Amino acid sequence: MTTRILLAVTRAARSWVRPWRGRPAQVPILVPALFAALVFLTGCATPGLFHLYTSDSARPAAIVDSGGPEPVDVPTFLAPDETLTGLAYDPFTDHLFLRLAPGNLIRVIDRPARAVKRTYVVAALPATMGGDLAVRPRDGRVFFAHPTSPALIQTDRFGEVRGTITLTTLTVPPEGVAYDTVTNRLLVLTSGQTLTTHLLDGTWISGVRLERPVSPHSLAYDSEAQELYAPLAPPVAIGVFNLSGRLLRTVPTPATFLDLGPRSLLRLF
């Protein structure tokens, strides 16, 4: 836990200092203030740093946060005609991103406030099908699985399209997508059992076959422990795999959609 706190502090400091390069007079003021704020907020954080967010239904009233002493429900605010197709957590803002059918509607939930932050449509996504998504916390890039092509649609936190990533060597659409914060790479699930690793331009790096088939809806990654999380097929539990595809253990939580990440220490949006 201490290691993850230090990593969070370091990454936050880099994110804040980078825009101030070339203005050295301001940096000495910003850095101590940032660290003081982080230390203060760390002491006030909800118990438990690493959190698992799950839904065991396509029409959930809430997402379950099982990272603290007791499970906590975070409302989804789904309308009667809305269906969940993907889930992602952004630890930098402490927001949950919900992808809703017909597939291009996104709802952002402020987890601590338990309120809708914003709802928007990503025009570049087909309005016929949904899919998984993942967030890069340091700059808010969101990667959406394309439902019909071997590609990802990339946007910012507010839905502004930043490009399309063609996943080389793949011939089928991605079923699950996760982001590795340590290596700055993308992890993609296809065919319910094949995991491939890609650079951010889509270039294929490696591929493995998971030891157990998983539900083709959702993928999450613990970058520090280098462990993959995915609902097993049938989705009666969550499988935890290493990067070689070996099943390390199971989490006895039914899940259709999931994501995980460190609880935010500093919220800016």
C-alpha atoms as a PDB file:
ATOM      1  CA  MET A   1       0.000   0.000   0.000  1.00  0.00           C
ATOM      2  CA  THR A   2       2.827   2.404   0.876  1.00  0.00           C
ATOM      3  CA  THR A   3       4.447   1.750  -2.499  1.00  0.00           C
ATOM      4  CA  ARG A   4       1.229   2.593  -4.317  1.00  0.00           C
ATOM      5  CA  ILE A   5       0.809   5.812  -2.349  1.00  0.00           C
ATOM      6  CA  LEU A   6       4.345   6.897  -3.239  1.00  0.00           C
ATOM      7  CA  LEU A   7       3.772   6.022  -6.886  1.00  0.00           C
ATOM      8  CA  ALA A   8       0.549   8.032  -6.919  1.00  0.00           C
ATOM      9  CA  VAL A   9       2.322  11.030  -5.385  1.00  0.00           C
ATOM     10  CA  THR A  10       5.190  10.808  -7.881  1.00  0.00           C
ATOM     11  CA  ARG A  11       2.903  10.573 -10.894  1.00  0.00           C
ATOM     12  CA  ALA A  12       0.728  13.423  -9.712  1.00  0.00           C
ATOM     13  CA  ALA A  13       3.811  15.594  -9.178  1.00  0.00           C
ATOM     14  CA  ARG A  14       5.056  14.869 -12.688  1.00  0.00           C
ATOM     15  CA  SER A  15       1.665  15.701 -14.164  1.00  0.00           C
ATOM     16  CA  TRP A  16       1.603  19.055 -12.370  1.00  0.00           C
ATOM     17  CA  VAL A  17       5.213  20.062 -12.983  1.00  0.00           C
ATOM     18  CA  ARG A  18       5.310  19.190 -16.698  1.00  0.00           C
ATOM     19  CA  PRO A  19       3.147  22.156 -17.848  1.00  0.00           C
ATOM     20  CA  TRP A  20       5.378  24.530 -15.846  1.00  0.00           C
ATOM     21  CA  ARG A  21       8.626  23.619 -17.578  1.00  0.00           C
ATOM     22  CA  GLY A  22      10.308  26.752 -18.765  1.00  0.00           C
ATOM     23  CA  ARG A  23       8.891  28.708 -15.811  1.00  0.00           C
ATOM     24  CA  PRO A  24      11.327  27.682 -13.051  1.00  0.00           C
ATOM     25  CA  ALA A  25      10.307  30.446 -10.684  1.00  0.00           C
ATOM     26  CA  GLN A  26       6.897  28.874 -10.177  1.00  0.00           C
ATOM     27  CA  VAL A  27       7.974  25.235  -9.808  1.00  0.00           C
ATOM     28  CA  PRO A  28       9.475  25.541  -6.268  1.00  0.00           C
ATOM     29  CA  ILE A  29       6.148  26.982  -5.145  1.00  0.00           C
ATOM     30  CA  LEU A  30       4.006  24.366  -6.864  1.00  0.00           C
ATOM     31  CA  VAL A  31       5.865  21.242  -5.754  1.00  0.00           C
ATOM     32  CA  PRO A  32       5.705  21.760  -1.955  1.00  0.00           C
ATOM     33  CA  ALA A  33       2.071  22.808  -2.212  1.00  0.00           C
ATOM     34  CA  LEU A  34       1.264  19.712  -4.228  1.00  0.00           C
ATOM     35  CA  PHE A  35       2.987  17.349  -1.831  1.00  0.00           C
ATOM     36  CA  ALA A  36       1.371  18.999   1.186  1.00  0.00           C
ATOM     37  CA  ALA A  37      -2.064  18.594  -0.399  1.00  0.00           C
ATOM     38  CA  LEU A  38      -1.382  14.966  -1.266  1.00  0.00           C
ATOM     39  CA  VAL A  39      -0.196  14.092   2.212  1.00  0.00           C
ATOM     40  CA  PHE A  40      -3.238  15.744   3.724  1.00  0.00           C
ATOM     41  CA  LEU A  41      -5.647  13.997   1.371  1.00  0.00           C
ATOM     42  CA  THR A  42      -3.914  10.648   1.856  1.00  0.00           C
ATOM     43  CA  GLY A  43      -4.568  10.847   5.564  1.00  0.00           C
ATOM     44  CA  CYS A  44      -8.258  11.509   4.910  1.00  0.00           C
ATOM     45  CA  ALA A  45      -8.727   8.834   2.257  1.00  0.00           C
ATOM     46  CA  THR A  46     -11.368   6.166   2.534  1.00  0.00           C
ATOM     47  CA  PRO A  47      -9.812   3.030   4.109  1.00  0.00           C
ATOM     48  CA  GLY A  48      -8.369   0.754   1.467  1.00  0.00           C
ATOM     49  CA  LEU A  49      -6.332   2.060  -1.465  1.00  0.00           C
ATOM     50  CA  PHE A  50      -6.984  -0.444  -4.235  1.00  0.00           C
ATOM     51  CA  HIS A  51     -10.583  -0.911  -5.331  1.00  0.00           C
ATOM     52  CA  LEU A  52     -12.496  -3.357  -7.507  1.00  0.00           C
ATOM     53  CA  TYR A  53     -15.621  -2.070  -9.249  1.00  0.00           C
ATOM     54  CA  THR A  54     -18.070  -4.675 -10.550  1.00  0.00           C
ATOM     55  CA  SER A  55     -21.492  -5.096 -12.078  1.00  0.00           C
ATOM     56  CA  ASP A  56     -23.138  -8.504 -12.434  1.00  0.00           C
ATOM     57  CA  SER A  57     -25.879  -7.268 -14.748  1.00  0.00           C
ATOM     58  CA  ALA A  58     -26.276  -5.273 -17.949  1.00  0.00           C
ATOM     59  CA  ARG A  59     -28.977  -3.182 -16.217  1.00  0.00           C
ATOM     60  CA  PRO A  60     -27.510  -2.503 -12.768  1.00  0.00           C
ATOM     61  CA  ALA A  61     -28.902   0.059 -10.375  1.00  0.00           C
ATOM     62  CA  ALA A  62     -25.410   0.413  -8.924  1.00  0.00           C
ATOM     63  CA  ILE A  63     -21.744  -0.489  -9.386  1.00  0.00           C
ATOM     64  CA  VAL A  64     -20.275  -2.286  -6.369  1.00  0.00           C
ATOM     65  CA  ASP A  65     -17.008  -0.940  -4.938  1.00  0.00           C
ATOM     66  CA  SER A  66     -15.506  -3.842  -2.971  1.00  0.00           C
ATOM     67  CA  GLY A  67     -12.180  -2.279  -2.028  1.00  0.00           C
ATOM     68  CA  GLY A  68     -13.013  -0.918   1.416  1.00  0.00           C
ATOM     69  CA  PRO A  69     -13.915  -2.625   4.702  1.00  0.00           C
ATOM     70  CA  GLU A  70     -17.475  -3.084   3.413  1.00  0.00           C
ATOM     71  CA  PRO A  71     -18.832  -3.134  -0.168  1.00  0.00           C
ATOM     72  CA  VAL A  72     -20.243   0.220  -1.271  1.00  0.00           C
ATOM     73  CA  ASP A  73     -22.849   0.742  -3.989  1.00  0.00           C
ATOM     74  CA  VAL A  74     -22.284   3.606  -6.452  1.00  0.00           C
ATOM     75  CA  PRO A  75     -25.513   4.436  -8.345  1.00  0.00           C
ATOM     76  CA  THR A  76     -25.462   4.204 -12.149  1.00  0.00           C
ATOM     77  CA  PHE A  77     -28.525   6.406 -12.833  1.00  0.00           C
ATOM     78  CA  LEU A  78     -29.524   4.143 -15.726  1.00  0.00           C
ATOM     79  CA  ALA A  79     -32.829   5.015 -17.398  1.00  0.00           C
ATOM     80  CA  PRO A  80     -35.283   2.159 -18.106  1.00  0.00           C
ATOM     81  CA  ASP A  81     -34.188   2.034 -21.764  1.00  0.00           C
ATOM     82  CA  GLU A  82     -30.420   2.099 -21.051  1.00  0.00           C
ATOM     83  CA  THR A  83     -28.101  -0.919 -20.870  1.00  0.00           C
ATOM     84  CA  LEU A  84     -24.550  -1.040 -19.547  1.00  0.00           C
ATOM     85  CA  THR A  85     -21.994  -2.332 -22.067  1.00  0.00           C
ATOM     86  CA  GLY A  86     -18.677  -1.254 -20.511  1.00  0.00           C
ATOM     87  CA  LEU A  87     -17.109   0.103 -17.335  1.00  0.00           C
ATOM     88  CA  ALA A  88     -13.888   1.994 -16.576  1.00  0.00           C
ATOM     89  CA  TYR A  89     -12.483   3.780 -13.519  1.00  0.00           C
ATOM     90  CA  ASP A  90     -10.292   6.902 -13.626  1.00  0.00           C
ATOM     91  CA  PRO A  91      -8.308   7.172 -10.351  1.00  0.00           C
ATOM     92  CA  PHE A  92      -7.005  10.630 -11.246  1.00  0.00           C
ATOM     93  CA  THR A  93     -10.494  12.140 -11.034  1.00  0.00           C
ATOM     94  CA  ASP A  94     -12.209   9.393  -8.986  1.00  0.00           C
ATOM     95  CA  HIS A  95     -14.825   9.039 -11.715  1.00  0.00           C
ATOM     96  CA  LEU A  96     -16.509   5.966 -13.165  1.00  0.00           C
ATOM     97  CA  PHE A  97     -17.062   5.919 -16.943  1.00  0.00           C
ATOM     98  CA  LEU A  98     -20.115   3.934 -18.038  1.00  0.00           C
ATOM     99  CA  ARG A  99     -20.596   2.993 -21.684  1.00  0.00           C
ATOM    100  CA  LEU A 100     -24.276   2.562 -22.418  1.00  0.00           C
ATOM    101  CA  ALA A 101     -26.231   0.980 -25.266  1.00  0.00           C
ATOM    102  CA  PRO A 102     -26.741   1.755 -28.047  1.00  0.00           C
ATOM    103  CA  GLY A 103     -22.965   1.973 -27.664  1.00  0.00           C
ATOM    104  CA  ASN A 104     -21.916   5.577 -28.111  1.00  0.00           C
ATOM    105  CA  LEU A 105     -23.504   7.080 -24.996  1.00  0.00           C
ATOM    106  CA  ILE A 106     -21.129   7.730 -22.077  1.00  0.00           C
ATOM    107  CA  ARG A 107     -22.104   8.629 -18.522  1.00  0.00           C
ATOM    108  CA  VAL A 108     -19.480   9.812 -16.033  1.00  0.00           C
ATOM    109  CA  ILE A 109     -20.253   9.211 -12.357  1.00  0.00           C
ATOM    110  CA  ASP A 110     -18.533  11.150  -9.578  1.00  0.00           C
ATOM    111  CA  ARG A 111     -17.860   8.267  -7.191  1.00  0.00           C
ATOM    112  CA  PRO A 112     -17.530  10.208  -3.881  1.00  0.00           C
ATOM    113  CA  ALA A 113     -20.454  12.531  -4.666  1.00  0.00           C
ATOM    114  CA  ARG A 114     -22.555   9.628  -6.010  1.00  0.00           C
ATOM    115  CA  ALA A 115     -23.806  11.943  -8.737  1.00  0.00           C
ATOM    116  CA  VAL A 116     -23.751  12.268 -12.520  1.00  0.00           C
ATOM    117  CA  LYS A 117     -20.810  14.415 -13.578  1.00  0.00           C
ATOM    118  CA  ARG A 118     -21.707  14.535 -17.268  1.00  0.00           C
ATOM    119  CA  THR A 119     -23.283  12.504 -20.074  1.00  0.00           C
ATOM    120  CA  TYR A 120     -22.185  12.744 -23.699  1.00  0.00           C
ATOM    121  CA  VAL A 121     -22.165  10.947 -27.043  1.00  0.00           C
ATOM    122  CA  VAL A 122     -18.965   9.893 -28.846  1.00  0.00           C
ATOM    123  CA  ALA A 123     -19.975  10.475 -32.458  1.00  0.00           C
ATOM    124  CA  ALA A 124     -17.124   8.346 -33.851  1.00  0.00           C
ATOM    125  CA  LEU A 125     -18.449   5.210 -32.123  1.00  0.00           C
ATOM    126  CA  PRO A 126     -21.058   3.140 -33.973  1.00  0.00           C
ATOM    127  CA  ALA A 127     -24.483   3.542 -32.411  1.00  0.00           C
ATOM    128  CA  THR A 128     -25.349  -0.128 -32.930  1.00  0.00           C
ATOM    129  CA  MET A 129     -23.217  -1.946 -30.345  1.00  0.00           C
ATOM    130  CA  GLY A 130     -21.253  -1.199 -27.173  1.00  0.00           C
ATOM    131  CA  GLY A 131     -18.063  -2.618 -25.726  1.00  0.00           C
ATOM    132  CA  ASP A 132     -15.313  -2.260 -23.156  1.00  0.00           C
ATOM    133  CA  LEU A 133     -13.254   0.857 -22.456  1.00  0.00           C
ATOM    134  CA  ALA A 134     -10.164   1.895 -20.473  1.00  0.00           C
ATOM    135  CA  VAL A 135      -8.793   5.196 -19.132  1.00  0.00           C
ATOM    136  CA  ARG A 136      -5.220   6.492 -19.092  1.00  0.00           C
ATOM    137  CA  PRO A 137      -5.270   8.452 -15.804  1.00  0.00           C
ATOM    138  CA  ARG A 138      -2.361  10.817 -16.399  1.00  0.00           C
ATOM    139  CA  ASP A 139      -4.024  12.701 -19.271  1.00  0.00           C
ATOM    140  CA  GLY A 140      -7.576  11.366 -19.347  1.00  0.00           C
ATOM    141  CA  ARG A 141      -7.361   9.552 -22.665  1.00  0.00           C
ATOM    142  CA  VAL A 142     -10.199   7.035 -22.975  1.00  0.00           C
ATOM    143  CA  PHE A 143      -9.833   3.966 -25.222  1.00  0.00           C
ATOM    144  CA  PHE A 144     -13.099   2.488 -26.532  1.00  0.00           C
ATOM    145  CA  ALA A 145     -13.276  -0.983 -28.074  1.00  0.00           C
ATOM    146  CA  HIS A 146     -14.633  -0.704 -31.603  1.00  0.00           C
ATOM    147  CA  PRO A 147     -17.571  -3.130 -31.916  1.00  0.00           C
ATOM    148  CA  THR A 148     -16.989  -4.198 -35.522  1.00  0.00           C
ATOM    149  CA  SER A 149     -13.312  -3.531 -36.358  1.00  0.00           C
ATOM    150  CA  PRO A 150      -9.943  -4.506 -34.817  1.00  0.00           C
ATOM    151  CA  ALA A 151      -9.472  -0.987 -33.505  1.00  0.00           C
ATOM    152  CA  LEU A 152      -9.881   1.386 -30.575  1.00  0.00           C
ATOM    153  CA  ILE A 153     -11.436   4.856 -30.668  1.00  0.00           C
ATOM    154  CA  GLN A 154      -9.444   7.317 -28.559  1.00  0.00           C
ATOM    155  CA  THR A 155     -11.020  10.378 -26.893  1.00  0.00           C
ATOM    156  CA  ASP A 156     -10.329  12.753 -24.040  1.00  0.00           C
ATOM    157  CA  ARG A 157     -12.298  12.698 -20.761  1.00  0.00           C
ATOM    158  CA  PHE A 158     -15.015  14.850 -22.321  1.00  0.00           C
ATOM    159  CA  GLY A 159     -15.609  12.784 -25.454  1.00  0.00           C
ATOM    160  CA  GLU A 160     -13.519  14.788 -27.931  1.00  0.00           C
ATOM    161  CA  VAL A 161     -12.164  12.270 -30.449  1.00  0.00           C
ATOM    162  CA  ARG A 162      -8.362  12.084 -30.583  1.00  0.00           C
ATOM    163  CA  GLY A 163      -8.006   9.383 -33.226  1.00  0.00           C
ATOM    164  CA  THR A 164      -8.428   5.720 -34.113  1.00  0.00           C
ATOM    165  CA  ILE A 165      -5.911   3.060 -33.124  1.00  0.00           C
ATOM    166  CA  THR A 166      -5.722   0.126 -35.539  1.00  0.00           C
ATOM    167  CA  LEU A 167      -4.646  -3.009 -33.637  1.00  0.00           C
ATOM    168  CA  THR A 168      -2.110  -4.697 -35.892  1.00  0.00           C
ATOM    169  CA  THR A 169      -2.242  -8.478 -36.459  1.00  0.00           C
ATOM    170  CA  LEU A 170      -5.832  -8.650 -35.126  1.00  0.00           C
ATOM    171  CA  THR A 171      -8.629  -9.617 -37.482  1.00  0.00           C
ATOM    172  CA  VAL A 172     -11.544  -9.457 -35.032  1.00  0.00           C
ATOM    173  CA  PRO A 173     -12.889  -6.631 -32.839  1.00  0.00           C
ATOM    174  CA  PRO A 174     -11.526  -6.283 -29.293  1.00  0.00           C
ATOM    175  CA  GLU A 175     -13.743  -7.711 -26.550  1.00  0.00           C
ATOM    176  CA  GLY A 176     -11.862  -6.251 -23.601  1.00  0.00           C
ATOM    177  CA  VAL A 177      -9.342  -3.435 -23.240  1.00  0.00           C
ATOM    178  CA  ALA A 178      -7.117  -2.355 -20.340  1.00  0.00           C
ATOM    179  CA  TYR A 179      -4.279   0.138 -19.930  1.00  0.00           C
ATOM    180  CA  ASP A 180      -0.904  -0.528 -18.306  1.00  0.00           C
ATOM    181  CA  THR A 181       0.128   2.624 -16.417  1.00  0.00           C
ATOM    182  CA  VAL A 182       3.692   1.345 -15.900  1.00  0.00           C
ATOM    183  CA  THR A 183       4.629   0.460 -19.492  1.00  0.00           C
ATOM    184  CA  ASN A 184       2.195   2.826 -21.252  1.00  0.00           C
ATOM    185  CA  ARG A 185       0.780  -0.046 -23.298  1.00  0.00           C
ATOM    186  CA  LEU A 186      -2.646  -1.411 -24.156  1.00  0.00           C
ATOM    187  CA  LEU A 187      -3.900  -4.894 -23.299  1.00  0.00           C
ATOM    188  CA  VAL A 188      -6.593  -6.352 -25.540  1.00  0.00           C
ATOM    189  CA  LEU A 189      -8.791  -9.427 -25.134  1.00  0.00           C
ATOM    190  CA  THR A 190     -10.194 -11.247 -28.174  1.00  0.00           C
ATOM    191  CA  SER A 191     -12.004 -14.551 -28.751  1.00  0.00           C
ATOM    192  CA  GLY A 192     -12.642 -14.940 -25.026  1.00  0.00           C
ATOM    193  CA  GLN A 193      -9.151 -16.288 -24.334  1.00  0.00           C
ATOM    194  CA  THR A 194      -6.485 -14.470 -26.375  1.00  0.00           C
ATOM    195  CA  LEU A 195      -4.608 -11.559 -24.810  1.00  0.00           C
ATOM    196  CA  THR A 196      -2.432  -9.259 -26.924  1.00  0.00           C
ATOM    197  CA  THR A 197      -0.249  -6.327 -25.890  1.00  0.00           C
ATOM    198  CA  HIS A 198       0.069  -3.236 -28.106  1.00  0.00           C
ATOM    199  CA  LEU A 199       1.879   0.072 -28.216  1.00  0.00           C
ATOM    200  CA  LEU A 200      -0.318   3.161 -28.196  1.00  0.00           C
ATOM    201  CA  ASP A 201      -0.143   3.324 -31.996  1.00  0.00           C
ATOM    202  CA  GLY A 202      -1.620  -0.184 -32.156  1.00  0.00           C
ATOM    203  CA  THR A 203       1.619  -2.034 -32.951  1.00  0.00           C
ATOM    204  CA  TRP A 204       1.478  -5.650 -31.751  1.00  0.00           C
ATOM    205  CA  ILE A 205       4.073  -6.579 -29.123  1.00  0.00           C
ATOM    206  CA  SER A 206       3.093  -9.998 -27.818  1.00  0.00           C
ATOM    207  CA  GLY A 207       0.233 -12.423 -27.385  1.00  0.00           C
ATOM    208  CA  VAL A 208      -0.716 -15.246 -24.998  1.00  0.00           C
ATOM    209  CA  ARG A 209      -3.635 -17.601 -24.486  1.00  0.00           C
ATOM    210  CA  LEU A 210      -5.333 -17.416 -21.096  1.00  0.00           C
ATOM    211  CA  GLU A 211      -5.461 -20.661 -19.141  1.00  0.00           C
ATOM    212  CA  ARG A 212      -9.225 -20.342 -18.699  1.00  0.00           C
ATOM    213  CA  PRO A 213     -11.819 -18.824 -21.035  1.00  0.00           C
ATOM    214  CA  VAL A 214     -13.294 -15.553 -19.815  1.00  0.00           C
ATOM    215  CA  SER A 215     -16.479 -13.645 -20.500  1.00  0.00           C
ATOM    216  CA  PRO A 216     -15.926 -11.444 -23.589  1.00  0.00           C
ATOM    217  CA  HIS A 217     -17.121  -8.194 -22.054  1.00  0.00           C
ATOM    218  CA  SER A 218     -14.545  -6.718 -19.707  1.00  0.00           C
ATOM    219  CA  LEU A 219     -10.846  -6.636 -18.836  1.00  0.00           C
ATOM    220  CA  ALA A 220      -8.939  -4.863 -16.040  1.00  0.00           C
ATOM    221  CA  TYR A 221      -5.257  -4.679 -15.126  1.00  0.00           C
ATOM    222  CA  ASP A 222      -3.283  -4.088 -11.942  1.00  0.00           C
ATOM    223  CA  SER A 223      -0.158  -2.449 -13.372  1.00  0.00           C
ATOM    224  CA  GLU A 224       1.893  -2.691 -10.160  1.00  0.00           C
ATOM    225  CA  ALA A 225       1.183  -6.375  -9.499  1.00  0.00           C
ATOM    226  CA  GLN A 226       1.096  -7.159 -13.261  1.00  0.00           C
ATOM    227  CA  GLU A 227      -2.168  -9.067 -12.886  1.00  0.00           C
ATOM    228  CA  LEU A 228      -5.150  -9.259 -15.214  1.00  0.00           C
ATOM    229  CA  TYR A 229      -8.751  -9.430 -13.977  1.00  0.00           C
ATOM    230  CA  ALA A 230     -11.605 -10.769 -16.114  1.00  0.00           C
ATOM    231  CA  PRO A 231     -14.994 -12.403 -15.430  1.00  0.00           C
ATOM    232  CA  LEU A 232     -14.675 -16.141 -15.950  1.00  0.00           C
ATOM    233  CA  ALA A 233     -17.025 -17.869 -18.376  1.00  0.00           C
ATOM    234  CA  PRO A 234     -19.687 -18.392 -17.178  1.00  0.00           C
ATOM    235  CA  PRO A 235     -19.350 -15.158 -15.112  1.00  0.00           C
ATOM    236  CA  VAL A 236     -19.787 -16.638 -11.624  1.00  0.00           C
ATOM    237  CA  ALA A 237     -16.372 -15.448 -10.408  1.00  0.00           C
ATOM    238  CA  ILE A 238     -13.458 -13.233 -11.461  1.00  0.00           C
ATOM    239  CA  GLY A 239     -10.247 -14.801 -12.698  1.00  0.00           C
ATOM    240  CA  VAL A 240      -6.884 -13.230 -11.892  1.00  0.00           C
ATOM    241  CA  PHE A 241      -4.162 -14.069 -14.438  1.00  0.00           C
ATOM    242  CA  ASN A 242      -0.500 -13.248 -14.879  1.00  0.00           C
ATOM    243  CA  LEU A 243       0.887 -11.930 -18.167  1.00  0.00           C
ATOM    244  CA  SER A 244       1.782 -15.465 -19.226  1.00  0.00           C
ATOM    245  CA  GLY A 245      -1.903 -16.359 -19.126  1.00  0.00           C
ATOM    246  CA  ARG A 246      -1.744 -18.558 -16.027  1.00  0.00           C
ATOM    247  CA  LEU A 247      -4.722 -18.421 -13.672  1.00  0.00           C
ATOM    248  CA  LEU A 248      -3.336 -17.305 -10.303  1.00  0.00           C
ATOM    249  CA  ARG A 249      -6.552 -17.270  -8.254  1.00  0.00           C
ATOM    250  CA  THR A 250     -10.238 -16.503  -8.404  1.00  0.00           C
ATOM    251  CA  VAL A 251     -12.292 -13.820  -6.686  1.00  0.00           C
ATOM    252  CA  PRO A 252     -15.719 -15.211  -5.684  1.00  0.00           C
ATOM    253  CA  THR A 253     -17.623 -12.219  -7.043  1.00  0.00           C
ATOM    254  CA  PRO A 254     -20.036 -12.612  -9.960  1.00  0.00           C
ATOM    255  CA  ALA A 255     -19.302  -9.916 -12.519  1.00  0.00           C
ATOM    256  CA  THR A 256     -20.325  -9.041 -16.051  1.00  0.00           C
ATOM    257  CA  PHE A 257     -18.299  -5.816 -16.140  1.00  0.00           C
ATOM    258  CA  LEU A 258     -15.373  -4.731 -13.976  1.00  0.00           C
ATOM    259  CA  ASP A 259     -12.476  -2.367 -13.511  1.00  0.00           C
ATOM    260  CA  LEU A 260     -10.016  -1.617 -10.718  1.00  0.00           C
ATOM    261  CA  GLY A 261      -7.543   0.974  -9.596  1.00  0.00           C
ATOM    262  CA  PRO A 262      -6.112   2.982  -6.708  1.00  0.00           C
ATOM    263  CA  ARG A 263      -8.488   5.290  -4.872  1.00  0.00           C
ATOM    264  CA  SER A 264      -7.840   8.840  -5.971  1.00  0.00           C
ATOM    265  CA  LEU A 265      -5.729  11.017  -3.671  1.00  0.00           C
ATOM    266  CA  LEU A 266      -6.179  14.276  -5.591  1.00  0.00           C
ATOM    267  CA  ARG A 267      -9.262  15.119  -7.625  1.00  0.00           C
ATOM    268  CA  LEU A 268      -9.029  17.915 -10.181  1.00  0.00           C
ATOM    269  CA  PHE A 269     -12.200  17.617 -12.312  1.00  0.00           C
END
